[in-house]
C-alpha cells in the first residue's frame, strides 16, 4: 500500500459518497482518520434532521458550514493569542533592556 517510505495510500469514506483514494504523508494518517471520523459523526447527526430528495446536499452543506465556523473561530483565537504573545514579548524586552 505504501507509495514510498514517506507516503501512504489510504481510502476514506465520507458520508454517502463513494470511497476516495488519497496519498498522504505517512505520519499524518491519524489526523486524516480523525477528520474522516469527525465528518461522518457530524454527517450522521445532521442526516437525522433532514429528509427528502436534496437531503444529502443539505446535510453536506451543514457539515461544511459547521467545520468552516469552527475553523474561523480557531483562526480568530490564534490571531488573538499571537497578538497577546507579541505584546508580551515586547513588554518583556523592554523590562530586560532596563535591567
N, C-alpha and C. Protein backbone atom coordinates (compact mmCIF):
# COMPACT_ATOMS: atom_id res chain seq x y z
N UNK A 1 0.80 -1.20 0.00
CA UNK A 1 0.00 0.00 0.00
C UNK A 1 0.84 1.27 0.00
N UNK A 2 2.03 1.20 0.51
CA UNK A 2 2.85 2.41 0.62
C UNK A 2 3.43 2.78 -0.73
N UNK A 3 3.31 4.06 -1.07
CA UNK A 3 3.87 4.58 -2.32
C UNK A 3 5.38 4.70 -2.19
N UNK A 4 5.85 5.21 -1.09
CA UNK A 4 7.26 5.27 -0.74
C UNK A 4 7.34 5.31 0.77
N UNK A 5 8.51 5.52 1.31
CA UNK A 5 8.66 5.49 2.76
C UNK A 5 7.90 6.60 3.47
N UNK A 6 7.68 7.72 2.79
CA UNK A 6 7.04 8.87 3.44
C UNK A 6 5.55 9.00 3.17
N UNK A 7 5.04 8.31 2.15
CA UNK A 7 3.64 8.45 1.78
C UNK A 7 2.90 7.13 1.96
N UNK A 8 1.59 7.27 2.12
CA UNK A 8 0.73 6.12 2.32
C UNK A 8 -0.53 6.32 1.48
N UNK A 9 -0.98 5.28 0.82
CA UNK A 9 -2.24 5.31 0.08
C UNK A 9 -3.34 4.80 0.99
N UNK A 10 -4.38 5.62 1.19
CA UNK A 10 -5.49 5.21 2.02
C UNK A 10 -6.80 5.45 1.29
N UNK A 11 -7.86 4.84 1.79
CA UNK A 11 -9.21 5.08 1.31
C UNK A 11 -9.99 5.71 2.46
N UNK A 12 -10.71 6.78 2.15
CA UNK A 12 -11.59 7.36 3.15
C UNK A 12 -13.02 7.33 2.61
N UNK A 13 -13.95 7.22 3.51
CA UNK A 13 -15.35 7.27 3.13
C UNK A 13 -16.00 8.39 3.92
N UNK A 14 -16.55 9.34 3.20
CA UNK A 14 -17.22 10.47 3.81
C UNK A 14 -18.70 10.44 3.45
N UNK A 15 -19.53 10.40 4.46
CA UNK A 15 -20.98 10.45 4.29
C UNK A 15 -21.44 9.33 3.37
N UNK A 16 -22.30 9.68 2.40
CA UNK A 16 -22.83 8.67 1.50
C UNK A 16 -22.15 8.73 0.13
N UNK A 17 -20.94 9.24 0.11
CA UNK A 17 -20.16 9.36 -1.13
C UNK A 17 -19.27 8.13 -1.27
N UNK A 18 -19.02 7.73 -2.50
CA UNK A 18 -18.13 6.60 -2.74
C UNK A 18 -16.78 6.84 -2.08
N UNK A 19 -16.11 5.79 -1.62
CA UNK A 19 -14.79 5.97 -1.01
C UNK A 19 -13.82 6.70 -1.94
N UNK A 20 -12.95 7.47 -1.34
CA UNK A 20 -11.98 8.27 -2.08
C UNK A 20 -10.57 7.82 -1.72
N UNK A 21 -9.75 7.64 -2.74
CA UNK A 21 -8.35 7.27 -2.52
C UNK A 21 -7.52 8.54 -2.32
N UNK A 22 -6.64 8.48 -1.35
CA UNK A 22 -5.75 9.61 -1.07
C UNK A 22 -4.33 9.09 -0.87
N UNK A 23 -3.36 9.88 -1.28
CA UNK A 23 -1.97 9.62 -0.93
C UNK A 23 -1.60 10.71 0.06
N UNK A 24 -1.19 10.26 1.26
CA UNK A 24 -0.96 11.19 2.36
C UNK A 24 0.41 10.94 2.97
N UNK A 25 0.95 11.95 3.69
CA UNK A 25 2.18 11.69 4.44
C UNK A 25 1.90 10.62 5.50
N UNK A 26 2.75 9.65 5.57
CA UNK A 26 2.56 8.51 6.48
C UNK A 26 2.33 8.97 7.93
N UNK A 27 3.06 9.98 8.36
CA UNK A 27 2.95 10.41 9.75
C UNK A 27 1.69 11.23 10.04
N UNK A 28 0.86 11.47 9.03
CA UNK A 28 -0.38 12.22 9.23
C UNK A 28 -1.63 11.34 9.13
N UNK A 29 -1.44 10.02 9.04
CA UNK A 29 -2.60 9.14 8.88
C UNK A 29 -3.61 9.32 10.01
N UNK A 30 -3.15 9.41 11.24
CA UNK A 30 -4.07 9.56 12.37
C UNK A 30 -4.92 10.82 12.23
N UNK A 31 -4.32 11.91 11.73
CA UNK A 31 -5.08 13.15 11.53
C UNK A 31 -6.16 12.96 10.48
N UNK A 32 -5.83 12.29 9.39
CA UNK A 32 -6.80 12.05 8.32
C UNK A 32 -7.93 11.15 8.81
N UNK A 33 -7.59 10.12 9.55
CA UNK A 33 -8.62 9.21 10.07
C UNK A 33 -9.53 9.91 11.08
N UNK A 34 -8.95 10.77 11.90
CA UNK A 34 -9.75 11.52 12.85
C UNK A 34 -10.69 12.48 12.13
N UNK A 35 -10.19 13.15 11.09
CA UNK A 35 -11.03 14.05 10.31
C UNK A 35 -12.18 13.28 9.65
N UNK A 36 -11.87 12.12 9.11
CA UNK A 36 -12.90 11.27 8.50
C UNK A 36 -13.97 10.92 9.53
N UNK A 37 -13.54 10.55 10.72
CA UNK A 37 -14.47 10.18 11.79
C UNK A 37 -15.34 11.37 12.20
N UNK A 38 -14.72 12.54 12.35
CA UNK A 38 -15.47 13.73 12.74
C UNK A 38 -16.52 14.11 11.70
N UNK A 39 -16.14 14.08 10.43
CA UNK A 39 -17.10 14.41 9.37
C UNK A 39 -18.27 13.42 9.40
N UNK A 40 -17.97 12.14 9.50
CA UNK A 40 -19.03 11.13 9.49
C UNK A 40 -19.92 11.21 10.72
N UNK A 41 -19.34 11.54 11.87
CA UNK A 41 -20.15 11.71 13.08
C UNK A 41 -21.12 12.87 12.92
N UNK A 42 -20.61 13.99 12.43
CA UNK A 42 -21.47 15.15 12.22
C UNK A 42 -22.49 14.88 11.12
N UNK A 43 -22.07 14.19 10.07
CA UNK A 43 -22.98 13.81 8.98
C UNK A 43 -24.16 13.00 9.54
N UNK A 44 -23.86 12.00 10.33
CA UNK A 44 -24.92 11.14 10.88
C UNK A 44 -25.87 11.93 11.77
N UNK A 45 -25.32 12.87 12.53
CA UNK A 45 -26.16 13.71 13.39
C UNK A 45 -27.11 14.56 12.57
N UNK A 46 -26.59 15.22 11.54
CA UNK A 46 -27.41 16.10 10.72
C UNK A 46 -28.34 15.33 9.80
N UNK A 47 -27.94 14.14 9.36
CA UNK A 47 -28.78 13.35 8.45
C UNK A 47 -30.11 13.01 9.09
N UNK A 48 -30.16 12.88 10.40
CA UNK A 48 -31.40 12.58 11.11
C UNK A 48 -32.38 13.75 11.06
N UNK A 49 -31.87 14.95 10.82
CA UNK A 49 -32.72 16.14 10.83
C UNK A 49 -33.33 16.47 9.48
N UNK A 50 -32.76 15.95 8.40
CA UNK A 50 -33.22 16.30 7.06
C UNK A 50 -33.73 15.06 6.33
N UNK A 51 -34.79 15.25 5.59
CA UNK A 51 -35.31 14.18 4.73
C UNK A 51 -35.69 14.80 3.40
N UNK A 52 -35.78 13.97 2.37
CA UNK A 52 -36.20 14.46 1.06
C UNK A 52 -35.16 14.21 0.00
N UNK A 53 -35.50 14.69 -1.20
CA UNK A 53 -34.65 14.45 -2.37
C UNK A 53 -33.28 15.10 -2.25
N UNK A 54 -33.22 16.28 -1.69
CA UNK A 54 -31.94 17.00 -1.61
C UNK A 54 -31.31 16.90 -0.23
N UNK A 55 -31.72 15.93 0.57
CA UNK A 55 -31.22 15.80 1.94
C UNK A 55 -29.70 15.68 1.98
N UNK A 56 -29.14 14.88 1.10
CA UNK A 56 -27.69 14.67 1.08
C UNK A 56 -26.94 15.99 0.89
N UNK A 57 -27.40 16.79 -0.05
CA UNK A 57 -26.75 18.08 -0.32
C UNK A 57 -26.90 19.02 0.87
N UNK A 58 -28.08 19.05 1.46
CA UNK A 58 -28.33 19.94 2.60
C UNK A 58 -27.48 19.52 3.80
N UNK A 59 -27.40 18.22 4.04
CA UNK A 59 -26.61 17.74 5.17
C UNK A 59 -25.14 18.05 4.95
N UNK A 60 -24.62 17.80 3.75
CA UNK A 60 -23.20 18.09 3.48
C UNK A 60 -22.94 19.59 3.59
N UNK A 61 -23.90 20.40 3.17
CA UNK A 61 -23.74 21.85 3.30
C UNK A 61 -23.64 22.24 4.78
N UNK A 62 -24.46 21.64 5.62
CA UNK A 62 -24.42 21.95 7.05
C UNK A 62 -23.12 21.45 7.69
N UNK A 63 -22.66 20.28 7.28
CA UNK A 63 -21.39 19.76 7.79
C UNK A 63 -20.25 20.71 7.41
N UNK A 64 -20.23 21.12 6.13
CA UNK A 64 -19.20 22.05 5.67
C UNK A 64 -19.27 23.37 6.45
N UNK A 65 -20.49 23.86 6.65
CA UNK A 65 -20.67 25.11 7.39
C UNK A 65 -20.15 24.98 8.82
N UNK A 66 -20.48 23.89 9.49
CA UNK A 66 -20.03 23.72 10.87
C UNK A 66 -18.50 23.69 10.97
N UNK A 67 -17.86 22.98 10.04
CA UNK A 67 -16.40 22.94 10.07
C UNK A 67 -15.80 24.29 9.71
N UNK A 68 -16.42 25.01 8.78
CA UNK A 68 -15.93 26.35 8.45
C UNK A 68 -16.08 27.29 9.64
N UNK A 69 -17.20 27.17 10.35
CA UNK A 69 -17.43 28.00 11.53
C UNK A 69 -16.38 27.71 12.61
N UNK A 70 -16.11 26.44 12.84
CA UNK A 70 -15.10 26.07 13.83
C UNK A 70 -13.70 26.51 13.40
N UNK A 71 -13.40 26.40 12.10
CA UNK A 71 -12.11 26.86 11.60
C UNK A 71 -11.97 28.37 11.82
N UNK A 72 -13.02 29.11 11.49
CA UNK A 72 -12.98 30.56 11.65
C UNK A 72 -12.77 30.95 13.10
N UNK A 73 -13.46 30.27 14.00
CA UNK A 73 -13.31 30.55 15.43
C UNK A 73 -11.89 30.25 15.89
N UNK A 74 -11.34 29.10 15.50
CA UNK A 74 -9.98 28.73 15.88
C UNK A 74 -8.97 29.72 15.30
N UNK A 75 -9.17 30.13 14.04
CA UNK A 75 -8.27 31.09 13.40
C UNK A 75 -8.26 32.40 14.17
N UNK A 76 -9.44 32.90 14.52
CA UNK A 76 -9.52 34.17 15.25
C UNK A 76 -8.90 34.05 16.64
N UNK A 77 -9.07 32.91 17.27
CA UNK A 77 -8.42 32.71 18.57
C UNK A 77 -6.91 32.69 18.43
N UNK A 78 -6.41 32.07 17.37
CA UNK A 78 -4.96 32.04 17.14
C UNK A 78 -4.41 33.44 16.88
N UNK A 79 -5.16 34.26 16.13
CA UNK A 79 -4.73 35.64 15.89
C UNK A 79 -4.64 36.39 17.21
N UNK A 80 -5.64 36.20 18.07
CA UNK A 80 -5.64 36.88 19.37
C UNK A 80 -4.47 36.41 20.24
N UNK A 81 -4.20 35.12 20.24
CA UNK A 81 -3.09 34.58 21.03
C UNK A 81 -1.76 35.11 20.50
N UNK A 82 -1.60 35.13 19.18
CA UNK A 82 -0.36 35.66 18.58
C UNK A 82 -0.16 37.13 18.94
N UNK A 83 -1.23 37.92 18.92
CA UNK A 83 -1.11 39.33 19.28
C UNK A 83 -0.72 39.46 20.75
N UNK A 84 -1.35 38.66 21.61
CA UNK A 84 -1.03 38.70 23.03
C UNK A 84 0.45 38.34 23.25
N UNK A 85 0.93 37.29 22.60
CA UNK A 85 2.32 36.88 22.77
C UNK A 85 3.29 37.92 22.22
N UNK A 86 2.95 38.54 21.11
CA UNK A 86 3.80 39.59 20.55
C UNK A 86 3.89 40.77 21.51
N UNK A 87 2.73 41.19 22.04
CA UNK A 87 2.72 42.29 23.01
C UNK A 87 3.51 41.92 24.27
N UNK A 88 3.34 40.70 24.74
CA UNK A 88 4.06 40.23 25.93
C UNK A 88 5.57 40.23 25.68
N UNK A 89 5.97 39.76 24.51
CA UNK A 89 7.39 39.72 24.17
C UNK A 89 7.98 41.13 24.13
N UNK A 90 7.23 42.09 23.58
CA UNK A 90 7.71 43.48 23.56
C UNK A 90 7.86 44.02 24.97
N UNK A 91 6.88 43.73 25.83
CA UNK A 91 6.96 44.21 27.22
C UNK A 91 8.14 43.56 27.94
N UNK A 92 8.33 42.28 27.69
CA UNK A 92 9.46 41.57 28.33
C UNK A 92 10.79 42.14 27.84
N UNK A 93 10.90 42.41 26.56
CA UNK A 93 12.13 43.01 26.02
C UNK A 93 12.41 44.36 26.66
N UNK A 94 11.37 45.15 26.86
CA UNK A 94 11.56 46.46 27.49
C UNK A 94 12.04 46.32 28.94
N UNK A 95 11.53 45.33 29.65
CA UNK A 95 11.96 45.08 31.03
C UNK A 95 13.41 44.62 31.05
N UNK A 96 13.78 43.72 30.17
CA UNK A 96 15.14 43.19 30.13
C UNK A 96 16.13 44.27 29.74
N UNK A 97 15.76 45.14 28.82
CA UNK A 97 16.65 46.22 28.39
C UNK A 97 16.91 47.18 29.54
N UNK A 98 15.91 47.43 30.38
CA UNK A 98 16.04 48.35 31.52
C UNK A 98 16.96 47.80 32.59
N UNK A 99 17.10 46.48 32.64
CA UNK A 99 17.93 45.86 33.68
C UNK A 99 19.35 45.93 33.29
